[in-house]
PDB file of N, CA and C in Angstrom:
ATOM      1  N   MET A   1      -2.006  28.842 -25.877  1.00  0.00           N
ATOM      2  CA  MET A   1      -0.737  28.781 -25.193  1.00  0.00           C
ATOM      3  C   MET A   1      -0.511  30.044 -24.358  1.00  0.00           C
ATOM      4  N   ASN A   2      -0.871  31.193 -24.931  1.00  0.00           N
ATOM      5  CA  ASN A   2      -0.708  32.446 -24.199  1.00  0.00           C
ATOM      6  C   ASN A   2      -1.604  32.502 -22.969  1.00  0.00           C
ATOM      7  N   ALA A   3      -2.805  31.912 -23.081  1.00  0.00           N
ATOM      8  CA  ALA A   3      -3.711  31.896 -21.939  1.00  0.00           C
ATOM      9  C   ALA A   3      -3.128  31.057 -20.806  1.00  0.00           C
ATOM     10  N   LEU A   4      -2.487  29.956 -21.158  1.00  0.00           N
ATOM     11  CA  LEU A   4      -1.856  29.109 -20.144  1.00  0.00           C
ATOM     12  C   LEU A   4      -0.716  29.845 -19.453  1.00  0.00           C
ATOM     13  N   MET A   5       0.096  30.537 -20.217  1.00  0.00           N
ATOM     14  CA  MET A   5       1.209  31.291 -19.642  1.00  0.00           C
ATOM     15  C   MET A   5       0.693  32.408 -18.736  1.00  0.00           C
ATOM     16  N   LEU A   6      -0.375  33.071 -19.161  1.00  0.00           N
ATOM     17  CA  LEU A   6      -0.957  34.124 -18.334  1.00  0.00           C
ATOM     18  C   LEU A   6      -1.502  33.540 -17.035  1.00  0.00           C
ATOM     19  N   LEU A   7      -2.156  32.387 -17.140  1.00  0.00           N
ATOM     20  CA  LEU A   7      -2.688  31.726 -15.955  1.00  0.00           C
ATOM     21  C   LEU A   7      -1.564  31.346 -14.996  1.00  0.00           C
ATOM     22  N   LEU A   8      -0.475  30.819 -15.534  1.00  0.00           N
ATOM     23  CA  LEU A   8       0.659  30.445 -14.685  1.00  0.00           C
ATOM     24  C   LEU A   8       1.314  31.661 -14.050  1.00  0.00           C
ATOM     25  N   GLU A   9       1.414  32.747 -14.793  1.00  0.00           N
ATOM     26  CA  GLU A   9       2.036  33.953 -14.259  1.00  0.00           C
ATOM     27  C   GLU A   9       1.224  34.544 -13.115  1.00  0.00           C
ATOM     28  N   VAL A  10      -0.077  34.334 -13.132  1.00  0.00           N
ATOM     29  CA  VAL A  10      -0.936  34.896 -12.097  1.00  0.00           C
ATOM     30  C   VAL A  10      -1.044  33.960 -10.904  1.00  0.00           C
ATOM     31  N   TRP A  11      -1.265  32.673 -11.133  1.00  0.00           N
ATOM     32  CA  TRP A  11      -1.574  31.745 -10.053  1.00  0.00           C
ATOM     33  C   TRP A  11      -0.351  31.201  -9.327  1.00  0.00           C
ATOM     34  N   VAL A  12       0.735  30.956 -10.016  1.00  0.00           N
ATOM     35  CA  VAL A  12       1.904  30.376  -9.352  1.00  0.00           C
ATOM     36  C   VAL A  12       2.453  31.296  -8.266  1.00  0.00           C
ATOM     37  N   PRO A  13       2.663  32.579  -8.510  1.00  0.00           N
ATOM     38  CA  PRO A  13       3.132  33.435  -7.410  1.00  0.00           C
ATOM     39  C   PRO A  13       2.136  33.517  -6.259  1.00  0.00           C
ATOM     40  N   ALA A  14       0.844  33.482  -6.578  1.00  0.00           N
ATOM     41  CA  ALA A  14      -0.163  33.538  -5.513  1.00  0.00           C
ATOM     42  C   ALA A  14      -0.112  32.278  -4.654  1.00  0.00           C
ATOM     43  N   ILE A  15       0.095  31.142  -5.272  1.00  0.00           N
ATOM     44  CA  ILE A  15       0.179  29.884  -4.519  1.00  0.00           C
ATOM     45  C   ILE A  15       1.451  29.858  -3.683  1.00  0.00           C
ATOM     46  N   LEU A  16       2.564  30.289  -4.286  1.00  0.00           N
ATOM     47  CA  LEU A  16       3.828  30.281  -3.553  1.00  0.00           C
ATOM     48  C   LEU A  16       3.847  31.284  -2.416  1.00  0.00           C
ATOM     49  N   ALA A  17       3.114  32.362  -2.541  1.00  0.00           N
ATOM     50  CA  ALA A  17       3.062  33.356  -1.469  1.00  0.00           C
ATOM     51  C   ALA A  17       2.371  32.783  -0.235  1.00  0.00           C
ATOM     52  N   GLY A  18       1.445  31.872  -0.431  1.00  0.00           N
ATOM     53  CA  GLY A  18       0.732  31.263   0.683  1.00  0.00           C
ATOM     54  C   GLY A  18       1.465  30.091   1.302  1.00  0.00           C
ATOM     55  N   ALA A  19       2.588  29.705   0.726  1.00  0.00           N
ATOM     56  CA  ALA A  19       3.357  28.571   1.252  1.00  0.00           C
ATOM     57  C   ALA A  19       4.045  28.964   2.552  1.00  0.00           C
ATOM     58  N   ASP A  20       4.349  27.970   3.344  1.00  0.00           N
ATOM     59  CA  ASP A  20       5.055  28.215   4.604  1.00  0.00           C
ATOM     60  C   ASP A  20       6.466  28.703   4.333  1.00  0.00           C
ATOM     61  N   LYS A  21       6.914  29.573   5.188  1.00  0.00           N
ATOM     62  CA  LYS A  21       8.277  30.071   5.086  1.00  0.00           C
ATOM     63  C   LYS A  21       9.235  29.051   5.697  1.00  0.00           C
ATOM     64  N   VAL A  22      10.471  29.090   5.268  1.00  0.00           N
ATOM     65  CA  VAL A  22      11.486  28.173   5.780  1.00  0.00           C
ATOM     66  C   VAL A  22      11.878  28.605   7.184  1.00  0.00           C
ATOM     67  N   PRO A  23      11.864  27.666   8.159  1.00  0.00           N
ATOM     68  CA  PRO A  23      12.234  28.043   9.520  1.00  0.00           C
ATOM     69  C   PRO A  23      13.744  28.281   9.640  1.00  0.00           C
ATOM     70  N   ALA A  24      14.114  28.976  10.669  1.00  0.00           N
ATOM     71  CA  ALA A  24      15.528  29.237  10.927  1.00  0.00           C
ATOM     72  C   ALA A  24      16.208  27.941  11.378  1.00  0.00           C
ATOM     73  N   PRO A  25      17.505  27.776  11.083  1.00  0.00           N
ATOM     74  CA  PRO A  25      18.205  26.536  11.456  1.00  0.00           C
ATOM     75  C   PRO A  25      18.159  26.236  12.954  1.00  0.00           C
ATOM     76  N   GLN A  26      18.173  27.253  13.811  1.00  0.00           N
ATOM     77  CA  GLN A  26      18.150  26.997  15.250  1.00  0.00           C
ATOM     78  C   GLN A  26      16.771  26.540  15.725  1.00  0.00           C
ATOM     79  N   ASP A  27      15.735  26.703  14.896  1.00  0.00           N
ATOM     80  CA  ASP A  27      14.389  26.269  15.271  1.00  0.00           C
ATOM     81  C   ASP A  27      14.111  24.820  14.893  1.00  0.00           C
ATOM     82  N   VAL A  28      14.986  24.209  14.101  1.00  0.00           N
ATOM     83  CA  VAL A  28      14.758  22.854  13.614  1.00  0.00           C
ATOM     84  C   VAL A  28      15.686  21.903  14.354  1.00  0.00           C
ATOM     85  N   LYS A  29      15.092  20.966  15.084  1.00  0.00           N
ATOM     86  CA  LYS A  29      15.870  19.977  15.829  1.00  0.00           C
ATOM     87  C   LYS A  29      15.202  18.615  15.656  1.00  0.00           C
ATOM     88  N   ALA A  30      16.005  17.624  15.357  1.00  0.00           N
ATOM     89  CA  ALA A  30      15.459  16.281  15.175  1.00  0.00           C
ATOM     90  C   ALA A  30      15.083  15.675  16.517  1.00  0.00           C
ATOM     91  N   GLY A  31      15.944  15.745  17.490  1.00  0.00           N
ATOM     92  CA  GLY A  31      15.636  15.242  18.821  1.00  0.00           C
ATOM     93  C   GLY A  31      15.904  13.760  18.977  1.00  0.00           C
ATOM     94  N   TRP A  32      15.700  13.310  20.210  1.00  0.00           N
ATOM     95  CA  TRP A  32      15.982  11.920  20.538  1.00  0.00           C
ATOM     96  C   TRP A  32      14.951  10.965  19.962  1.00  0.00           C
ATOM     97  N   LEU A  33      13.717  11.410  19.820  1.00  0.00           N
ATOM     98  CA  LEU A  33      12.693  10.535  19.259  1.00  0.00           C
ATOM     99  C   LEU A  33      13.029  10.161  17.819  1.00  0.00           C
ATOM    100  N   ALA A  34      13.460  11.119  17.027  1.00  0.00           N
ATOM    101  CA  ALA A  34      13.840  10.833  15.648  1.00  0.00           C
ATOM    102  C   ALA A  34      15.041   9.892  15.601  1.00  0.00           C
ATOM    103  N   PHE A  35      15.996  10.071  16.513  1.00  0.00           N
ATOM    104  CA  PHE A  35      17.157   9.186  16.579  1.00  0.00           C
ATOM    105  C   PHE A  35      16.726   7.761  16.926  1.00  0.00           C
ATOM    106  N   ALA A  36      15.799   7.628  17.871  1.00  0.00           N
ATOM    107  CA  ALA A  36      15.304   6.304  18.255  1.00  0.00           C
ATOM    108  C   ALA A  36      14.565   5.636  17.092  1.00  0.00           C
ATOM    109  N   VAL A  37      13.782   6.393  16.358  1.00  0.00           N
ATOM    110  CA  VAL A  37      13.076   5.843  15.191  1.00  0.00           C
ATOM    111  C   VAL A  37      14.083   5.399  14.141  1.00  0.00           C
ATOM    112  N   PHE A  38      15.127   6.175  13.922  1.00  0.00           N
ATOM    113  CA  PHE A  38      16.172   5.827  12.958  1.00  0.00           C
ATOM    114  C   PHE A  38      16.864   4.523  13.355  1.00  0.00           C
ATOM    115  N   ILE A  39      17.205   4.379  14.620  1.00  0.00           N
ATOM    116  CA  ILE A  39      17.851   3.154  15.104  1.00  0.00           C
ATOM    117  C   ILE A  39      16.892   1.966  14.986  1.00  0.00           C
ATOM    118  N   ALA A  40      15.618   2.174  15.326  1.00  0.00           N
ATOM    119  CA  ALA A  40      14.631   1.092  15.232  1.00  0.00           C
ATOM    120  C   ALA A  40      14.466   0.630  13.783  1.00  0.00           C
ATOM    121  N   LEU A  41      14.463   1.555  12.845  1.00  0.00           N
ATOM    122  CA  LEU A  41      14.354   1.176  11.444  1.00  0.00           C
ATOM    123  C   LEU A  41      15.593   0.399  10.983  1.00  0.00           C
ATOM    124  N   GLY A  42      16.765   0.811  11.445  1.00  0.00           N
ATOM    125  CA  GLY A  42      17.982   0.077  11.120  1.00  0.00           C
ATOM    126  C   GLY A  42      17.945  -1.340  11.667  1.00  0.00           C
ATOM    127  N   LEU A  43      17.501  -1.508  12.906  1.00  0.00           N
ATOM    128  CA  LEU A  43      17.382  -2.842  13.491  1.00  0.00           C
ATOM    129  C   LEU A  43      16.354  -3.690  12.754  1.00  0.00           C
ATOM    130  N   ALA A  44      15.274  -3.073  12.319  1.00  0.00           N
ATOM    131  CA  ALA A  44      14.254  -3.805  11.569  1.00  0.00           C
ATOM    132  C   ALA A  44      14.822  -4.329  10.252  1.00  0.00           C
ATOM    133  N   VAL A  45      15.649  -3.542   9.593  1.00  0.00           N
ATOM    134  CA  VAL A  45      16.268  -3.980   8.344  1.00  0.00           C
ATOM    135  C   VAL A  45      17.199  -5.156   8.605  1.00  0.00           C
ATOM    136  N   VAL A  46      17.960  -5.098   9.683  1.00  0.00           N
ATOM    137  CA  VAL A  46      18.869  -6.202  10.024  1.00  0.00           C
ATOM    138  C   VAL A  46      18.084  -7.480  10.321  1.00  0.00           C
ATOM    139  N   VAL A  47      17.029  -7.371  11.115  1.00  0.00           N
ATOM    140  CA  VAL A  47      16.215  -8.547  11.455  1.00  0.00           C
ATOM    141  C   VAL A  47      15.570  -9.133  10.207  1.00  0.00           C
ATOM    142  N   LEU A  48      15.038  -8.281   9.341  1.00  0.00           N
ATOM    143  CA  LEU A  48      14.430  -8.782   8.110  1.00  0.00           C
ATOM    144  C   LEU A  48      15.465  -9.423   7.197  1.00  0.00           C
ATOM    145  N   GLY A  49      16.681  -8.898   7.174  1.00  0.00           N
ATOM    146  CA  GLY A  49      17.745  -9.501   6.370  1.00  0.00           C
ATOM    147  C   GLY A  49      18.098 -10.897   6.858  1.00  0.00           C
ATOM    148  N   PHE A  50      18.238 -11.065   8.185  1.00  0.00           N
ATOM    149  CA  PHE A  50      18.516 -12.391   8.729  1.00  0.00           C
ATOM    150  C   PHE A  50      17.368 -13.359   8.448  1.00  0.00           C
ATOM    151  N   SER A  51      16.145 -12.878   8.579  1.00  0.00           N
ATOM    152  CA  SER A  51      14.985 -13.729   8.316  1.00  0.00           C
ATOM    153  C   SER A  51      14.946 -14.162   6.854  1.00  0.00           C
ATOM    154  N   LEU A  52      15.222 -13.234   5.946  1.00  0.00           N
ATOM    155  CA  LEU A  52      15.244 -13.577   4.525  1.00  0.00           C
ATOM    156  C   LEU A  52      16.325 -14.605   4.235  1.00  0.00           C
ATOM    157  N   SER A  53      17.493 -14.409   4.811  1.00  0.00           N
ATOM    158  CA  SER A  53      18.596 -15.345   4.604  1.00  0.00           C
ATOM    159  C   SER A  53      18.216 -16.745   5.098  1.00  0.00           C
ATOM    160  N   ARG A  54      17.615 -16.821   6.268  1.00  0.00           N
ATOM    161  CA  ARG A  54      17.208 -18.115   6.826  1.00  0.00           C
ATOM    162  C   ARG A  54      16.158 -18.794   5.947  1.00  0.00           C
ATOM    163  N   HIS A  55      15.180 -18.030   5.468  1.00  0.00           N
ATOM    164  CA  HIS A  55      14.136 -18.617   4.634  1.00  0.00           C
ATOM    165  C   HIS A  55      14.680 -19.071   3.283  1.00  0.00           C
ATOM    166  N   LEU A  56      15.625 -18.320   2.724  1.00  0.00           N
ATOM    167  CA  LEU A  56      16.215 -18.746   1.459  1.00  0.00           C
ATOM    168  C   LEU A  56      17.039 -20.020   1.631  1.00  0.00           C
ATOM    169  N   ARG A  57      17.751 -20.143   2.761  1.00  0.00           N
ATOM    170  CA  ARG A  57      18.481 -21.385   3.028  1.00  0.00           C
ATOM    171  C   ARG A  57      17.522 -22.558   3.164  1.00  0.00           C
ATOM    172  N   LYS A  58      16.385 -22.352   3.835  1.00  0.00           N
ATOM    173  CA  LYS A  58      15.385 -23.417   3.972  1.00  0.00           C
ATOM    174  C   LYS A  58      14.831 -23.823   2.607  1.00  0.00           C
ATOM    175  N   ALA A  59      14.564 -22.832   1.761  1.00  0.00           N
ATOM    176  CA  ALA A  59      14.015 -23.127   0.431  1.00  0.00           C
ATOM    177  C   ALA A  59      15.024 -23.909  -0.397  1.00  0.00           C
ATOM    178  N   ASP A  60      16.306 -23.547  -0.339  1.00  0.00           N
ATOM    179  CA  ASP A  60      17.331 -24.296  -1.070  1.00  0.00           C
ATOM    180  C   ASP A  60      17.435 -25.720  -0.556  1.00  0.00           C
ATOM    181  N   HIS A  61      17.404 -25.881   0.757  1.00  0.00           N
ATOM    182  CA  HIS A  61      17.488 -27.215   1.344  1.00  0.00           C
ATOM    183  C   HIS A  61      16.294 -28.069   0.924  1.00  0.00           C
ATOM    184  N   ASN A  62      15.108 -27.485   0.964  1.00  0.00           N
ATOM    185  CA  ASN A  62      13.914 -28.231   0.567  1.00  0.00           C
ATOM    186  C   ASN A  62      13.929 -28.561  -0.920  1.00  0.00           C
ATOM    187  N   ALA A  63      14.480 -27.675  -1.742  1.00  0.00           N
ATOM    188  CA  ALA A  63      14.573 -27.963  -3.172  1.00  0.00           C
ATOM    189  C   ALA A  63      15.537 -29.112  -3.418  1.00  0.00           C
ATOM    190  N   GLU A  64      16.643 -29.181  -2.669  1.00  0.00           N
ATOM    191  CA  GLU A  64      17.584 -30.287  -2.807  1.00  0.00           C
ATOM    192  C   GLU A  64      16.964 -31.595  -2.359  1.00  0.00           C
ATOM    193  N   GLN A  65      16.087 -31.543  -1.373  1.00  0.00           N
ATOM    194  CA  GLN A  65      15.426 -32.748  -0.869  1.00  0.00           C
ATOM    195  C   GLN A  65      14.276 -33.203  -1.771  1.00  0.00           C
ATOM    196  N   GLY A  66      13.907 -32.380  -2.753  1.00  0.00           N
ATOM    197  CA  GLY A  66      12.833 -32.734  -3.672  1.00  0.00           C
ATOM    198  C   GLY A  66      11.455 -32.459  -3.125  1.00  0.00           C
ATOM    199  N   ALA A  67      11.324 -31.492  -2.249  1.00  0.00           N
ATOM    200  CA  ALA A  67      10.035 -31.184  -1.628  1.00  0.00           C
ATOM    201  C   ALA A  67       9.092 -30.449  -2.576  1.00  0.00           C
ATOM    202  N   PHE A  68       9.625 -29.912  -3.667  1.00  0.00           N
ATOM    203  CA  PHE A  68       8.797 -29.141  -4.584  1.00  0.00           C
ATOM    204  C   PHE A  68       8.458 -29.965  -5.813  1.00  0.00           C
ATOM    205  N   ASP A  69       7.356 -29.620  -6.435  1.00  0.00           N
ATOM    206  CA  ASP A  69       6.922 -30.300  -7.647  1.00  0.00           C
ATOM    207  C   ASP A  69       7.854 -29.901  -8.800  1.00  0.00           C
ATOM    208  N   PRO A  70       8.437 -30.876  -9.512  1.00  0.00           N
ATOM    209  CA  PRO A  70       9.369 -30.532 -10.597  1.00  0.00           C
ATOM    210  C   PRO A  70       8.722 -29.712 -11.713  1.00  0.00           C
ATOM    211  N   SER A  71       7.419 -29.811 -11.876  1.00  0.00           N
ATOM    212  CA  SER A  71       6.779 -29.050 -12.936  1.00  0.00           C
ATOM    213  C   SER A  71       6.700 -27.558 -12.597  1.00  0.00           C
ATOM    214  N   ASP A  72       6.944 -27.205 -11.334  1.00  0.00           N
ATOM    215  CA  ASP A  72       6.933 -25.799 -10.925  1.00  0.00           C
ATOM    216  C   ASP A  72       8.212 -25.073 -11.308  1.00  0.00           C
ATOM    217  N   GLU A  73       9.281 -25.793 -11.601  1.00  0.00           N
ATOM    218  CA  GLU A  73      10.552 -25.165 -11.921  1.00  0.00           C
ATOM    219  C   GLU A  73      10.474 -24.491 -13.283  1.00  0.00           C
ATOM    220  N   PRO A  74      11.072 -23.316 -13.404  1.00  0.00           N
ATOM    221  CA  PRO A  74      11.055 -22.637 -14.724  1.00  0.00           C
ATOM    222  C   PRO A  74      11.924 -23.397 -15.722  1.00  0.00           C
ATOM    223  N   ARG A  75      11.472 -23.396 -16.961  1.00  0.00           N
ATOM    224  CA  ARG A  75      12.220 -24.083 -18.010  1.00  0.00           C
ATOM    225  C   ARG A  75      13.410 -23.230 -18.424  1.00  0.00           C
ATOM    226  N   ARG A  76      14.553 -23.873 -18.553  1.00  0.00           N
ATOM    227  CA  ARG A  76      15.760 -23.176 -18.963  1.00  0.00           C
ATOM    228  C   ARG A  76      16.008 -23.453 -20.436  1.00  0.00           C
ATOM    229  N   THR A  77      16.165 -22.381 -21.188  1.00  0.00           N
ATOM    230  CA  THR A  77      16.454 -22.555 -22.601  1.00  0.00           C
ATOM    231  C   THR A  77      17.913 -22.191 -22.848  1.00  0.00           C
ATOM    232  N   ALA A  78      18.529 -22.930 -23.734  1.00  0.00           N
ATOM    233  CA  ALA A  78      19.960 -22.708 -23.998  1.00  0.00           C
ATOM    234  C   ALA A  78      20.204 -21.618 -24.986  1.00  0.00           C
TER     235      ALA A  78
END
């Protein structure tokens, strides 16, 4: 246990010393490209939500019409 603690005391500061320093706040800017990517991801979520809703409605309609094999339905226990 002492050897592990000694190893951590020696190596952890050495590893952290080689890490990148935190940039100044004025040097960090997201920019318009990041904003466009954010908007595109939001639109993708909306489109996928509408698509999921449409497919679930189709599946419910087909289940009501009897398009699926009844043996595929999960058994309900009381």
